[in-house]
Amino acid sequence: MGKIEASNKKFRKELKSGTVALVLLGVLESEGRPMYGYEITRHLEEFTGEGPELKVGALYPVLRSLESSGILTSKVEPSVSGPPRKYYSLTEPGRQVYRDWKDTWAHTRDFVDRILKG
């Protein structure tokens, strides 16, 4: 892999890691109900009409991190079709974090768009 390809890969990875948590919070907020990881991924697929930008396996470390930060809470419930499922939902402080991150995203997006448009 050349230097340019490596730089592109690094940029995409950093950009993606900075937006995944925001997107997950957005899904949970918009649905307004607890959801489990695979369900969140399916929701993203339906929303985009494409395969997931985020693999299911990559989702769980982000969910665990958000939970350990107090942004999410979880509850394990039995499933009739398989193993128990861990349902995640926003905490009240998590809802404020989501609003703050959403505002930060909007300001950052607008700033970058202004720069890139010249």
PDB file of N, CA and C in Angstrom:
ATOM      1  N   MET A   1       0.858  -1.183   0.000  1.00  0.00           N
ATOM      2  CA  MET A   1       0.000   0.000   0.000  1.00  0.00           C
ATOM      3  C   MET A   1       0.897   1.237   0.000  1.00  0.00           C
ATOM      4  N   GLY A   2       0.627   2.148  -0.917  1.00  0.00           N
ATOM      5  CA  GLY A   2       1.414   3.369  -1.017  1.00  0.00           C
ATOM      6  C   GLY A   2       1.046   4.372   0.058  1.00  0.00           C
ATOM      7  N   LYS A   3       1.843   5.430   0.138  1.00  0.00           N
ATOM      8  CA  LYS A   3       1.610   6.462   1.159  1.00  0.00           C
ATOM      9  C   LYS A   3       0.267   7.153   0.977  1.00  0.00           C
ATOM     10  N   ILE A   4      -0.100   7.421  -0.273  1.00  0.00           N
ATOM     11  CA  ILE A   4      -1.384   8.096  -0.531  1.00  0.00           C
ATOM     12  C   ILE A   4      -2.542   7.203  -0.113  1.00  0.00           C
ATOM     13  N   GLU A   5      -2.485   5.938  -0.490  1.00  0.00           N
ATOM     14  CA  GLU A   5      -3.544   5.001  -0.106  1.00  0.00           C
ATOM     15  C   GLU A   5      -3.633   4.874   1.405  1.00  0.00           C
ATOM     16  N   ALA A   6      -2.496   4.816   2.075  1.00  0.00           N
ATOM     17  CA  ALA A   6      -2.474   4.720   3.538  1.00  0.00           C
ATOM     18  C   ALA A   6      -3.073   5.978   4.165  1.00  0.00           C
ATOM     19  N   SER A   7      -2.747   7.134   3.601  1.00  0.00           N
ATOM     20  CA  SER A   7      -3.308   8.391   4.118  1.00  0.00           C
ATOM     21  C   SER A   7      -4.812   8.425   3.933  1.00  0.00           C
ATOM     22  N   ASN A   8      -5.290   7.978   2.778  1.00  0.00           N
ATOM     23  CA  ASN A   8      -6.731   7.949   2.525  1.00  0.00           C
ATOM     24  C   ASN A   8      -7.436   7.008   3.495  1.00  0.00           C
ATOM     25  N   LYS A   9      -6.843   5.853   3.720  1.00  0.00           N
ATOM     26  CA  LYS A   9      -7.431   4.877   4.640  1.00  0.00           C
ATOM     27  C   LYS A   9      -7.491   5.447   6.057  1.00  0.00           C
ATOM     28  N   LYS A  10      -6.412   6.092   6.491  1.00  0.00           N
ATOM     29  CA  LYS A  10      -6.364   6.685   7.823  1.00  0.00           C
ATOM     30  C   LYS A  10      -7.419   7.787   7.967  1.00  0.00           C
ATOM     31  N   PHE A  11      -7.540   8.642   6.951  1.00  0.00           N
ATOM     32  CA  PHE A  11      -8.537   9.719   6.991  1.00  0.00           C
ATOM     33  C   PHE A  11      -9.949   9.152   7.111  1.00  0.00           C
ATOM     34  N   ARG A  12     -10.275   8.155   6.285  1.00  0.00           N
ATOM     35  CA  ARG A  12     -11.611   7.550   6.335  1.00  0.00           C
ATOM     36  C   ARG A  12     -11.882   6.925   7.702  1.00  0.00           C
ATOM     37  N   LYS A  13     -10.882   6.258   8.270  1.00  0.00           N
ATOM     38  CA  LYS A  13     -11.046   5.615   9.574  1.00  0.00           C
ATOM     39  C   LYS A  13     -11.301   6.649  10.665  1.00  0.00           C
ATOM     40  N   GLU A  14     -10.527   7.724  10.667  1.00  0.00           N
ATOM     41  CA  GLU A  14     -10.699   8.760  11.684  1.00  0.00           C
ATOM     42  C   GLU A  14     -12.034   9.477  11.535  1.00  0.00           C
ATOM     43  N   LEU A  15     -12.416   9.762  10.306  1.00  0.00           N
ATOM     44  CA  LEU A  15     -13.693  10.425  10.067  1.00  0.00           C
ATOM     45  C   LEU A  15     -14.848   9.533  10.516  1.00  0.00           C
ATOM     46  N   LYS A  16     -14.762   8.273  10.177  1.00  0.00           N
ATOM     47  CA  LYS A  16     -15.810   7.322  10.541  1.00  0.00           C
ATOM     48  C   LYS A  16     -15.910   7.155  12.050  1.00  0.00           C
ATOM     49  N   SER A  17     -14.777   7.027  12.723  1.00  0.00           N
ATOM     50  CA  SER A  17     -14.813   6.808  14.172  1.00  0.00           C
ATOM     51  C   SER A  17     -15.420   8.004  14.891  1.00  0.00           C
ATOM     52  N   GLY A  18     -15.287   9.178  14.325  1.00  0.00           N
ATOM     53  CA  GLY A  18     -15.844  10.360  14.956  1.00  0.00           C
ATOM     54  C   GLY A  18     -17.337  10.522  14.756  1.00  0.00           C
ATOM     55  N   THR A  19     -17.905   9.794  13.793  1.00  0.00           N
ATOM     56  CA  THR A  19     -19.330   9.950  13.510  1.00  0.00           C
ATOM     57  C   THR A  19     -20.186   8.763  13.943  1.00  0.00           C
ATOM     58  N   VAL A  20     -19.569   7.616  14.162  1.00  0.00           N
ATOM     59  CA  VAL A  20     -20.328   6.407  14.499  1.00  0.00           C
ATOM     60  C   VAL A  20     -21.157   6.603  15.763  1.00  0.00           C
ATOM     61  N   ALA A  21     -20.570   7.119  16.805  1.00  0.00           N
ATOM     62  CA  ALA A  21     -21.306   7.297  18.065  1.00  0.00           C
ATOM     63  C   ALA A  21     -22.485   8.241  17.875  1.00  0.00           C
ATOM     64  N   LEU A  22     -22.292   9.309  17.137  1.00  0.00           N
ATOM     65  CA  LEU A  22     -23.376  10.253  16.881  1.00  0.00           C
ATOM     66  C   LEU A  22     -24.522   9.573  16.132  1.00  0.00           C
ATOM     67  N   VAL A  23     -24.196   8.791  15.135  1.00  0.00           N
ATOM     68  CA  VAL A  23     -25.219   8.094  14.354  1.00  0.00           C
ATOM     69  C   VAL A  23     -25.983   7.101  15.230  1.00  0.00           C
ATOM     70  N   LEU A  24     -25.267   6.368  16.074  1.00  0.00           N
ATOM     71  CA  LEU A  24     -25.936   5.413  16.965  1.00  0.00           C
ATOM     72  C   LEU A  24     -26.905   6.121  17.904  1.00  0.00           C
ATOM     73  N   LEU A  25     -26.457   7.233  18.472  1.00  0.00           N
ATOM     74  CA  LEU A  25     -27.345   7.996  19.355  1.00  0.00           C
ATOM     75  C   LEU A  25     -28.545   8.518  18.578  1.00  0.00           C
ATOM     76  N   GLY A  26     -28.319   8.940  17.347  1.00  0.00           N
ATOM     77  CA  GLY A  26     -29.410   9.432  16.514  1.00  0.00           C
ATOM     78  C   GLY A  26     -30.456   8.367  16.243  1.00  0.00           C
ATOM     79  N   VAL A  27     -30.012   7.148  15.979  1.00  0.00           N
ATOM     80  CA  VAL A  27     -30.954   6.043  15.753  1.00  0.00           C
ATOM     81  C   VAL A  27     -31.773   5.784  17.006  1.00  0.00           C
ATOM     82  N   LEU A  28     -31.105   5.684  18.143  1.00  0.00           N
ATOM     83  CA  LEU A  28     -31.827   5.418  19.392  1.00  0.00           C
ATOM     84  C   LEU A  28     -32.800   6.544  19.734  1.00  0.00           C
ATOM     85  N   GLU A  29     -32.383   7.783  19.503  1.00  0.00           N
ATOM     86  CA  GLU A  29     -33.258   8.926  19.791  1.00  0.00           C
ATOM     87  C   GLU A  29     -34.460   8.936  18.844  1.00  0.00           C
ATOM     88  N   SER A  30     -34.216   8.713  17.559  1.00  0.00           N
ATOM     89  CA  SER A  30     -35.316   8.784  16.595  1.00  0.00           C
ATOM     90  C   SER A  30     -36.314   7.651  16.781  1.00  0.00           C
ATOM     91  N   GLU A  31     -35.834   6.478  17.161  1.00  0.00           N
ATOM     92  CA  GLU A  31     -36.740   5.350  17.387  1.00  0.00           C
ATOM     93  C   GLU A  31     -37.495   5.494  18.702  1.00  0.00           C
ATOM     94  N   GLY A  32     -36.862   6.128  19.689  1.00  0.00           N
ATOM     95  CA  GLY A  32     -37.533   6.374  20.959  1.00  0.00           C
ATOM     96  C   GLY A  32     -37.828   5.121  21.768  1.00  0.00           C
ATOM     97  N   ARG A  33     -37.062   4.079  21.526  1.00  0.00           N
ATOM     98  CA  ARG A  33     -37.262   2.822  22.261  1.00  0.00           C
ATOM     99  C   ARG A  33     -35.931   2.092  22.354  1.00  0.00           C
ATOM    100  N   PRO A  34     -35.787   1.195  23.332  1.00  0.00           N
ATOM    101  CA  PRO A  34     -34.558   0.416  23.420  1.00  0.00           C
ATOM    102  C   PRO A  34     -34.387  -0.468  22.186  1.00  0.00           C
ATOM    103  N   MET A  35     -33.139  -0.628  21.751  1.00  0.00           N
ATOM    104  CA  MET A  35     -32.838  -1.454  20.576  1.00  0.00           C
ATOM    105  C   MET A  35     -31.581  -2.263  20.848  1.00  0.00           C
ATOM    106  N   TYR A  36     -31.478  -3.415  20.210  1.00  0.00           N
ATOM    107  CA  TYR A  36     -30.261  -4.227  20.322  1.00  0.00           C
ATOM    108  C   TYR A  36     -29.386  -3.983  19.086  1.00  0.00           C
ATOM    109  N   GLY A  37     -28.121  -4.373  19.178  1.00  0.00           N
ATOM    110  CA  GLY A  37     -27.132  -4.015  18.163  1.00  0.00           C
ATOM    111  C   GLY A  37     -27.510  -4.375  16.742  1.00  0.00           C
ATOM    112  N   TYR A  38     -27.915  -5.616  16.511  1.00  0.00           N
ATOM    113  CA  TYR A  38     -28.252  -6.027  15.152  1.00  0.00           C
ATOM    114  C   TYR A  38     -29.445  -5.238  14.636  1.00  0.00           C
ATOM    115  N   GLU A  39     -30.379  -4.935  15.508  1.00  0.00           N
ATOM    116  CA  GLU A  39     -31.561  -4.144  15.138  1.00  0.00           C
ATOM    117  C   GLU A  39     -31.144  -2.737  14.695  1.00  0.00           C
ATOM    118  N   ILE A  40     -30.183  -2.160  15.389  1.00  0.00           N
ATOM    119  CA  ILE A  40     -29.671  -0.839  15.013  1.00  0.00           C
ATOM    120  C   ILE A  40     -29.040  -0.905  13.622  1.00  0.00           C
ATOM    121  N   THR A  41     -28.259  -1.956  13.376  1.00  0.00           N
ATOM    122  CA  THR A  41     -27.637  -2.124  12.067  1.00  0.00           C
ATOM    123  C   THR A  41     -28.682  -2.259  10.976  1.00  0.00           C
ATOM    124  N   ARG A  42     -29.709  -3.040  11.217  1.00  0.00           N
ATOM    125  CA  ARG A  42     -30.800  -3.199  10.232  1.00  0.00           C
ATOM    126  C   ARG A  42     -31.479  -1.856   9.971  1.00  0.00           C
ATOM    127  N   HIS A  43     -31.668  -1.080  11.017  1.00  0.00           N
ATOM    128  CA  HIS A  43     -32.279   0.241  10.861  1.00  0.00           C
ATOM    129  C   HIS A  43     -31.421   1.118   9.954  1.00  0.00           C
ATOM    130  N   LEU A  44     -30.108   1.079  10.150  1.00  0.00           N
ATOM    131  CA  LEU A  44     -29.203   1.862   9.309  1.00  0.00           C
ATOM    132  C   LEU A  44     -29.269   1.402   7.861  1.00  0.00           C
ATOM    133  N   GLU A  45     -29.360   0.099   7.626  1.00  0.00           N
ATOM    134  CA  GLU A  45     -29.476  -0.433   6.274  1.00  0.00           C
ATOM    135  C   GLU A  45     -30.750   0.077   5.607  1.00  0.00           C
ATOM    136  N   GLU A  46     -31.851   0.051   6.332  1.00  0.00           N
ATOM    137  CA  GLU A  46     -33.123   0.520   5.801  1.00  0.00           C
ATOM    138  C   GLU A  46     -33.071   2.009   5.492  1.00  0.00           C
ATOM    139  N   PHE A  47     -32.418   2.751   6.347  1.00  0.00           N
ATOM    140  CA  PHE A  47     -32.332   4.203   6.177  1.00  0.00           C
ATOM    141  C   PHE A  47     -31.512   4.575   4.954  1.00  0.00           C
ATOM    142  N   THR A  48     -30.384   3.874   4.760  1.00  0.00           N
ATOM    143  CA  THR A  48     -29.503   4.219   3.651  1.00  0.00           C
ATOM    144  C   THR A  48     -29.858   3.488   2.369  1.00  0.00           C
ATOM    145  N   GLY A  49     -30.573   2.362   2.492  1.00  0.00           N
ATOM    146  CA  GLY A  49     -30.874   1.569   1.314  1.00  0.00           C
ATOM    147  C   GLY A  49     -29.667   0.802   0.804  1.00  0.00           C
ATOM    148  N   GLU A  50     -28.619   0.753   1.587  1.00  0.00           N
ATOM    149  CA  GLU A  50     -27.389   0.072   1.211  1.00  0.00           C
ATOM    150  C   GLU A  50     -26.985  -0.863   2.332  1.00  0.00           C
ATOM    151  N   GLY A  51     -25.905  -1.596   2.101  1.00  0.00           N
ATOM    152  CA  GLY A  51     -25.324  -2.398   3.166  1.00  0.00           C
ATOM    153  C   GLY A  51     -24.826  -1.469   4.249  1.00  0.00           C
ATOM    154  N   PRO A  52     -24.634  -1.986   5.432  1.00  0.00           N
ATOM    155  CA  PRO A  52     -24.231  -1.108   6.531  1.00  0.00           C
ATOM    156  C   PRO A  52     -22.836  -0.540   6.343  1.00  0.00           C
ATOM    157  N   GLU A  53     -22.698   0.743   6.620  1.00  0.00           N
ATOM    158  CA  GLU A  53     -21.388   1.387   6.642  1.00  0.00           C
ATOM    159  C   GLU A  53     -20.593   0.875   7.829  1.00  0.00           C
ATOM    160  N   LEU A  54     -21.314   0.326   8.762  1.00  0.00           N
ATOM    161  CA  LEU A  54     -20.752  -0.097  10.032  1.00  0.00           C
ATOM    162  C   LEU A  54     -21.063  -1.563  10.236  1.00  0.00           C
ATOM    163  N   LYS A  55     -20.052  -2.380  10.349  1.00  0.00           N
ATOM    164  CA  LYS A  55     -20.267  -3.799  10.579  1.00  0.00           C
ATOM    165  C   LYS A  55     -20.774  -4.012  12.000  1.00  0.00           C
ATOM    166  N   VAL A  56     -21.614  -5.042  12.157  1.00  0.00           N
ATOM    167  CA  VAL A  56     -22.215  -5.316  13.457  1.00  0.00           C
ATOM    168  C   VAL A  56     -21.144  -5.473  14.533  1.00  0.00           C
ATOM    169  N   GLY A  57     -20.076  -6.173  14.223  1.00  0.00           N
ATOM    170  CA  GLY A  57     -19.009  -6.383  15.202  1.00  0.00           C
ATOM    171  C   GLY A  57     -18.349  -5.101  15.657  1.00  0.00           C
ATOM    172  N   ALA A  58     -18.296  -4.109  14.775  1.00  0.00           N
ATOM    173  CA  ALA A  58     -17.686  -2.825  15.123  1.00  0.00           C
ATOM    174  C   ALA A  58     -18.632  -1.973  15.961  1.00  0.00           C
ATOM    175  N   LEU A  59     -19.892  -2.300  15.930  1.00  0.00           N
ATOM    176  CA  LEU A  59     -20.907  -1.538  16.647  1.00  0.00           C
ATOM    177  C   LEU A  59     -20.810  -1.743  18.159  1.00  0.00           C
ATOM    178  N   TYR A  60     -20.564  -2.977  18.573  1.00  0.00           N
ATOM    179  CA  TYR A  60     -20.619  -3.301  20.000  1.00  0.00           C
ATOM    180  C   TYR A  60     -19.571  -2.590  20.849  1.00  0.00           C
ATOM    181  N   PRO A  61     -18.326  -2.439  20.397  1.00  0.00           N
ATOM    182  CA  PRO A  61     -17.385  -1.668  21.222  1.00  0.00           C
ATOM    183  C   PRO A  61     -17.846  -0.225  21.436  1.00  0.00           C
ATOM    184  N   VAL A  62     -18.474   0.370  20.420  1.00  0.00           N
ATOM    185  CA  VAL A  62     -18.967   1.745  20.552  1.00  0.00           C
ATOM    186  C   VAL A  62     -20.127   1.774  21.545  1.00  0.00           C
ATOM    187  N   LEU A  63     -21.040   0.822  21.429  1.00  0.00           N
ATOM    188  CA  LEU A  63     -22.161   0.755  22.368  1.00  0.00           C
ATOM    189  C   LEU A  63     -21.666   0.579  23.801  1.00  0.00           C
ATOM    190  N   ARG A  64     -20.683  -0.312  24.002  1.00  0.00           N
ATOM    191  CA  ARG A  64     -20.136  -0.526  25.354  1.00  0.00           C
ATOM    192  C   ARG A  64     -19.467   0.739  25.889  1.00  0.00           C
ATOM    193  N   SER A  65     -18.747   1.430  25.012  1.00  0.00           N
ATOM    194  CA  SER A  65     -18.078   2.664  25.422  1.00  0.00           C
ATOM    195  C   SER A  65     -19.095   3.728  25.827  1.00  0.00           C
ATOM    196  N   LEU A  66     -20.151   3.867  25.045  1.00  0.00           N
ATOM    197  CA  LEU A  66     -21.192   4.842  25.360  1.00  0.00           C
ATOM    198  C   LEU A  66     -21.900   4.476  26.669  1.00  0.00           C
ATOM    199  N   GLU A  67     -22.059   3.179  26.895  1.00  0.00           N
ATOM    200  CA  GLU A  67     -22.682   2.743  28.150  1.00  0.00           C
ATOM    201  C   GLU A  67     -21.769   3.029  29.333  1.00  0.00           C
ATOM    202  N   SER A  68     -20.483   2.752  29.191  1.00  0.00           N
ATOM    203  CA  SER A  68     -19.562   2.987  30.320  1.00  0.00           C
ATOM    204  C   SER A  68     -19.420   4.475  30.625  1.00  0.00           C
ATOM    205  N   SER A  69     -19.724   5.323  29.638  1.00  0.00           N
ATOM    206  CA  SER A  69     -19.681   6.769  29.842  1.00  0.00           C
ATOM    207  C   SER A  69     -20.973   7.313  30.446  1.00  0.00           C
ATOM    208  N   GLY A  70     -21.984   6.453  30.607  1.00  0.00           N
ATOM    209  CA  GLY A  70     -23.255   6.899  31.171  1.00  0.00           C
ATOM    210  C   GLY A  70     -24.195   7.504  30.149  1.00  0.00           C
ATOM    211  N   ILE A  71     -23.840   7.425  28.874  1.00  0.00           N
ATOM    212  CA  ILE A  71     -24.678   7.980  27.802  1.00  0.00           C
ATOM    213  C   ILE A  71     -25.806   7.016  27.460  1.00  0.00           C
ATOM    214  N   LEU A  72     -25.493   5.729  27.540  1.00  0.00           N
ATOM    215  CA  LEU A  72     -26.483   4.687  27.294  1.00  0.00           C
ATOM    216  C   LEU A  72     -26.638   3.828  28.537  1.00  0.00           C
ATOM    217  N   THR A  73     -27.758   3.159  28.594  1.00  0.00           N
ATOM    218  CA  THR A  73     -27.981   2.124  29.589  1.00  0.00           C
ATOM    219  C   THR A  73     -28.429   0.885  28.830  1.00  0.00           C
ATOM    220  N   SER A  74     -28.293  -0.280  29.435  1.00  0.00           N
ATOM    221  CA  SER A  74     -28.699  -1.492  28.737  1.00  0.00           C
ATOM    222  C   SER A  74     -29.456  -2.423  29.671  1.00  0.00           C
ATOM    223  N   LYS A  75     -30.191  -3.312  29.037  1.00  0.00           N
ATOM    224  CA  LYS A  75     -30.957  -4.316  29.772  1.00  0.00           C
ATOM    225  C   LYS A  75     -30.977  -5.577  28.915  1.00  0.00           C
ATOM    226  N   VAL A  76     -30.628  -6.696  29.514  1.00  0.00           N
ATOM    227  CA  VAL A  76     -30.636  -7.974  28.801  1.00  0.00           C
ATOM    228  C   VAL A  76     -32.015  -8.608  28.959  1.00  0.00           C
ATOM    229  N   GLU A  77     -32.577  -9.029  27.824  1.00  0.00           N
ATOM    230  CA  GLU A  77     -33.889  -9.669  27.835  1.00  0.00           C
ATOM    231  C   GLU A  77     -33.820 -10.958  27.033  1.00  0.00           C
ATOM    232  N   PRO A  78     -34.596 -11.968  27.441  1.00  0.00           N
ATOM    233  CA  PRO A  78     -34.603 -13.219  26.687  1.00  0.00           C
ATOM    234  C   PRO A  78     -35.169 -13.013  25.286  1.00  0.00           C
ATOM    235  N   SER A  79     -34.755 -13.871  24.373  1.00  0.00           N
ATOM    236  CA  SER A  79     -35.247 -13.827  22.998  1.00  0.00           C
ATOM    237  C   SER A  79     -35.858 -15.177  22.656  1.00  0.00           C
ATOM    238  N   VAL A  80     -36.994 -15.172  21.993  1.00  0.00           N
ATOM    239  CA  VAL A  80     -37.631 -16.434  21.616  1.00  0.00           C
ATOM    240  C   VAL A  80     -36.894 -17.098  20.450  1.00  0.00           C
ATOM    241  N   SER A  81     -36.106 -16.331  19.711  1.00  0.00           N
ATOM    242  CA  SER A  81     -35.454 -16.873  18.518  1.00  0.00           C
ATOM    243  C   SER A  81     -33.948 -17.076  18.680  1.00  0.00           C
ATOM    244  N   GLY A  82     -33.441 -17.058  19.895  1.00  0.00           N
ATOM    245  CA  GLY A  82     -32.005 -17.244  20.074  1.00  0.00           C
ATOM    246  C   GLY A  82     -31.553 -16.839  21.458  1.00  0.00           C
ATOM    247  N   PRO A  83     -30.282 -16.462  21.560  1.00  0.00           N
ATOM    248  CA  PRO A  83     -29.749 -16.072  22.874  1.00  0.00           C
ATOM    249  C   PRO A  83     -30.367 -14.753  23.355  1.00  0.00           C
ATOM    250  N   PRO A  84     -30.212 -14.449  24.632  1.00  0.00           N
ATOM    251  CA  PRO A  84     -30.741 -13.175  25.151  1.00  0.00           C
ATOM    252  C   PRO A  84     -30.149 -11.991  24.385  1.00  0.00           C
ATOM    253  N   ARG A  85     -30.903 -10.928  24.322  1.00  0.00           N
ATOM    254  CA  ARG A  85     -30.480  -9.724  23.613  1.00  0.00           C
ATOM    255  C   ARG A  85     -30.258  -8.587  24.609  1.00  0.00           C
ATOM    256  N   LYS A  86     -29.241  -7.794  24.315  1.00  0.00           N
ATOM    257  CA  LYS A  86     -28.939  -6.634  25.145  1.00  0.00           C
ATOM    258  C   LYS A  86     -29.516  -5.402  24.459  1.00  0.00           C
ATOM    259  N   TYR A  87     -30.506  -4.799  25.105  1.00  0.00           N
ATOM    260  CA  TYR A  87     -31.181  -3.628  24.550  1.00  0.00           C
ATOM    261  C   TYR A  87     -30.558  -2.366  25.135  1.00  0.00           C
ATOM    262  N   TYR A  88     -30.256  -1.416  24.261  1.00  0.00           N
ATOM    263  CA  TYR A  88     -29.638  -0.159  24.666  1.00  0.00           C
ATOM    264  C   TYR A  88     -30.650   0.973  24.532  1.00  0.00           C
ATOM    265  N   SER A  89     -30.558   1.920  25.455  1.00  0.00           N
ATOM    266  CA  SER A  89     -31.371   3.128  25.366  1.00  0.00           C
ATOM    267  C   SER A  89     -30.575   4.309  25.921  1.00  0.00           C
ATOM    268  N   LEU A  90     -30.977   5.500  25.494  1.00  0.00           N
ATOM    269  CA  LEU A  90     -30.327   6.719  25.958  1.00  0.00           C
ATOM    270  C   LEU A  90     -30.723   7.019  27.398  1.00  0.00           C
ATOM    271  N   THR A  91     -29.762   7.480  28.181  1.00  0.00           N
ATOM    272  CA  THR A  91     -30.056   7.987  29.512  1.00  0.00           C
ATOM    273  C   THR A  91     -30.456   9.460  29.340  1.00  0.00           C
ATOM    274  N   GLU A  92     -30.952  10.066  30.396  1.00  0.00           N
ATOM    275  CA  GLU A  92     -31.269  11.505  30.301  1.00  0.00           C
ATOM    276  C   GLU A  92     -30.010  12.327  30.001  1.00  0.00           C
ATOM    277  N   PRO A  93     -28.888  12.088  30.712  1.00  0.00           N
ATOM    278  CA  PRO A  93     -27.671  12.816  30.323  1.00  0.00           C
ATOM    279  C   PRO A  93     -27.251  12.485  28.890  1.00  0.00           C
ATOM    280  N   GLY A  94     -27.523  11.249  28.452  1.00  0.00           N
ATOM    281  CA  GLY A  94     -27.209  10.855  27.080  1.00  0.00           C
ATOM    282  C   GLY A  94     -27.991  11.654  26.054  1.00  0.00           C
ATOM    283  N   ARG A  95     -29.218  11.997  26.382  1.00  0.00           N
ATOM    284  CA  ARG A  95     -30.031  12.823  25.464  1.00  0.00           C
ATOM    285  C   ARG A  95     -29.407  14.218  25.306  1.00  0.00           C
ATOM    286  N   GLN A  96     -28.889  14.764  26.397  1.00  0.00           N
ATOM    287  CA  GLN A  96     -28.224  16.066  26.318  1.00  0.00           C
ATOM    288  C   GLN A  96     -26.929  15.946  25.512  1.00  0.00           C
ATOM    289  N   VAL A  97     -26.173  14.884  25.745  1.00  0.00           N
ATOM    290  CA  VAL A  97     -24.947  14.656  24.979  1.00  0.00           C
ATOM    291  C   VAL A  97     -25.287  14.578  23.496  1.00  0.00           C
ATOM    292  N   TYR A  98     -26.338  13.856  23.157  1.00  0.00           N
ATOM    293  CA  TYR A  98     -26.757  13.742  21.756  1.00  0.00           C
ATOM    294  C   TYR A  98     -27.062  15.124  21.161  1.00  0.00           C
ATOM    295  N   ARG A  99     -27.804  15.931  21.894  1.00  0.00           N
ATOM    296  CA  ARG A  99     -28.119  17.283  21.392  1.00  0.00           C
ATOM    297  C   ARG A  99     -26.838  18.105  21.201  1.00  0.00           C
ATOM    298  N   ASP A 100     -25.914  18.012  22.169  1.00  0.00           N
ATOM    299  CA  ASP A 100     -24.643  18.740  22.071  1.00  0.00           C
ATOM    300  C   ASP A 100     -23.830  18.267  20.871  1.00  0.00           C
ATOM    301  N   TRP A 101     -23.718  16.940  20.712  1.00  0.00           N
ATOM    302  CA  TRP A 101     -22.940  16.397  19.594  1.00  0.00           C
ATOM    303  C   TRP A 101     -23.570  16.747  18.255  1.00  0.00           C
ATOM    304  N   LYS A 102     -24.903  16.738  18.218  1.00  0.00           N
ATOM    305  CA  LYS A 102     -25.609  17.089  16.983  1.00  0.00           C
ATOM    306  C   LYS A 102     -25.312  18.544  16.600  1.00  0.00           C
ATOM    307  N   ASP A 103     -25.321  19.437  17.575  1.00  0.00           N
ATOM    308  CA  ASP A 103     -24.978  20.846  17.318  1.00  0.00           C
ATOM    309  C   ASP A 103     -23.527  20.976  16.857  1.00  0.00           C
ATOM    310  N   THR A 104     -22.632  20.262  17.511  1.00  0.00           N
ATOM    311  CA  THR A 104     -21.218  20.295  17.125  1.00  0.00           C
ATOM    312  C   THR A 104     -21.050  19.797  15.699  1.00  0.00           C
ATOM    313  N   TRP A 105     -21.744  18.715  15.361  1.00  0.00           N
ATOM    314  CA  TRP A 105     -21.681  18.168  14.003  1.00  0.00           C
ATOM    315  C   TRP A 105     -22.159  19.213  12.989  1.00  0.00           C
ATOM    316  N   ALA A 106     -23.265  19.860  13.263  1.00  0.00           N
ATOM    317  CA  ALA A 106     -23.818  20.848  12.333  1.00  0.00           C
ATOM    318  C   ALA A 106     -22.836  21.999  12.117  1.00  0.00           C
ATOM    319  N   HIS A 107     -22.246  22.498  13.188  1.00  0.00           N
ATOM    320  CA  HIS A 107     -21.274  23.596  13.059  1.00  0.00           C
ATOM    321  C   HIS A 107     -20.035  23.142  12.294  1.00  0.00           C
ATOM    322  N   THR A 108     -19.553  21.942  12.599  1.00  0.00           N
ATOM    323  CA  THR A 108     -18.370  21.418  11.916  1.00  0.00           C
ATOM    324  C   THR A 108     -18.662  21.196  10.437  1.00  0.00           C
ATOM    325  N   ARG A 109     -19.794  20.585  10.131  1.00  0.00           N
ATOM    326  CA  ARG A 109     -20.190  20.347   8.742  1.00  0.00           C
ATOM    327  C   ARG A 109     -20.282  21.657   7.976  1.00  0.00           C
ATOM    328  N   ASP A 110     -20.934  22.640   8.551  1.00  0.00           N
ATOM    329  CA  ASP A 110     -21.071  23.946   7.888  1.00  0.00           C
ATOM    330  C   ASP A 110     -19.717  24.596   7.646  1.00  0.00           C
ATOM    331  N   PHE A 111     -18.838  24.518   8.634  1.00  0.00           N
ATOM    332  CA  PHE A 111     -17.491  25.097   8.510  1.00  0.00           C
ATOM    333  C   PHE A 111     -16.711  24.415   7.379  1.00  0.00           C
ATOM    334  N   VAL A 112     -16.710  23.087   7.391  1.00  0.00           N
ATOM    335  CA  VAL A 112     -15.989  22.340   6.362  1.00  0.00           C
ATOM    336  C   VAL A 112     -16.575  22.628   4.985  1.00  0.00           C
ATOM    337  N   ASP A 113     -17.883  22.651   4.877  1.00  0.00           N
ATOM    338  CA  ASP A 113     -18.528  22.955   3.586  1.00  0.00           C
ATOM    339  C   ASP A 113     -18.121  24.337   3.081  1.00  0.00           C
ATOM    340  N   ARG A 114     -18.087  25.329   3.969  1.00  0.00           N
ATOM    341  CA  ARG A 114     -17.686  26.677   3.549  1.00  0.00           C
ATOM    342  C   ARG A 114     -16.244  26.687   3.025  1.00  0.00           C
ATOM    343  N   ILE A 115     -15.356  25.996   3.710  1.00  0.00           N
ATOM    344  CA  ILE A 115     -13.961  25.938   3.296  1.00  0.00           C
ATOM    345  C   ILE A 115     -13.828  25.212   1.966  1.00  0.00           C
ATOM    346  N   LEU A 116     -14.463  24.083   1.825  1.00  0.00           N
ATOM    347  CA  LEU A 116     -14.331  23.290   0.609  1.00  0.00           C
ATOM    348  C   LEU A 116     -14.971  23.948  -0.603  1.00  0.00           C
ATOM    349  N   LYS A 117     -15.986  24.750  -0.385  1.00  0.00           N
ATOM    350  CA  LYS A 117     -16.626  25.459  -1.498  1.00  0.00           C
ATOM    351  C   LYS A 117     -15.871  26.718  -1.894  1.00  0.00           C
ATOM    352  N   GLY A 118     -14.913  27.100  -1.044  1.00  0.00           N
ATOM    353  CA  GLY A 118     -14.097  28.268  -1.362  1.00  0.00           C
ATOM    354  C   GLY A 118     -14.766  29.491  -0.937  1.00  0.00           C
TER     355      GLY A 118
END
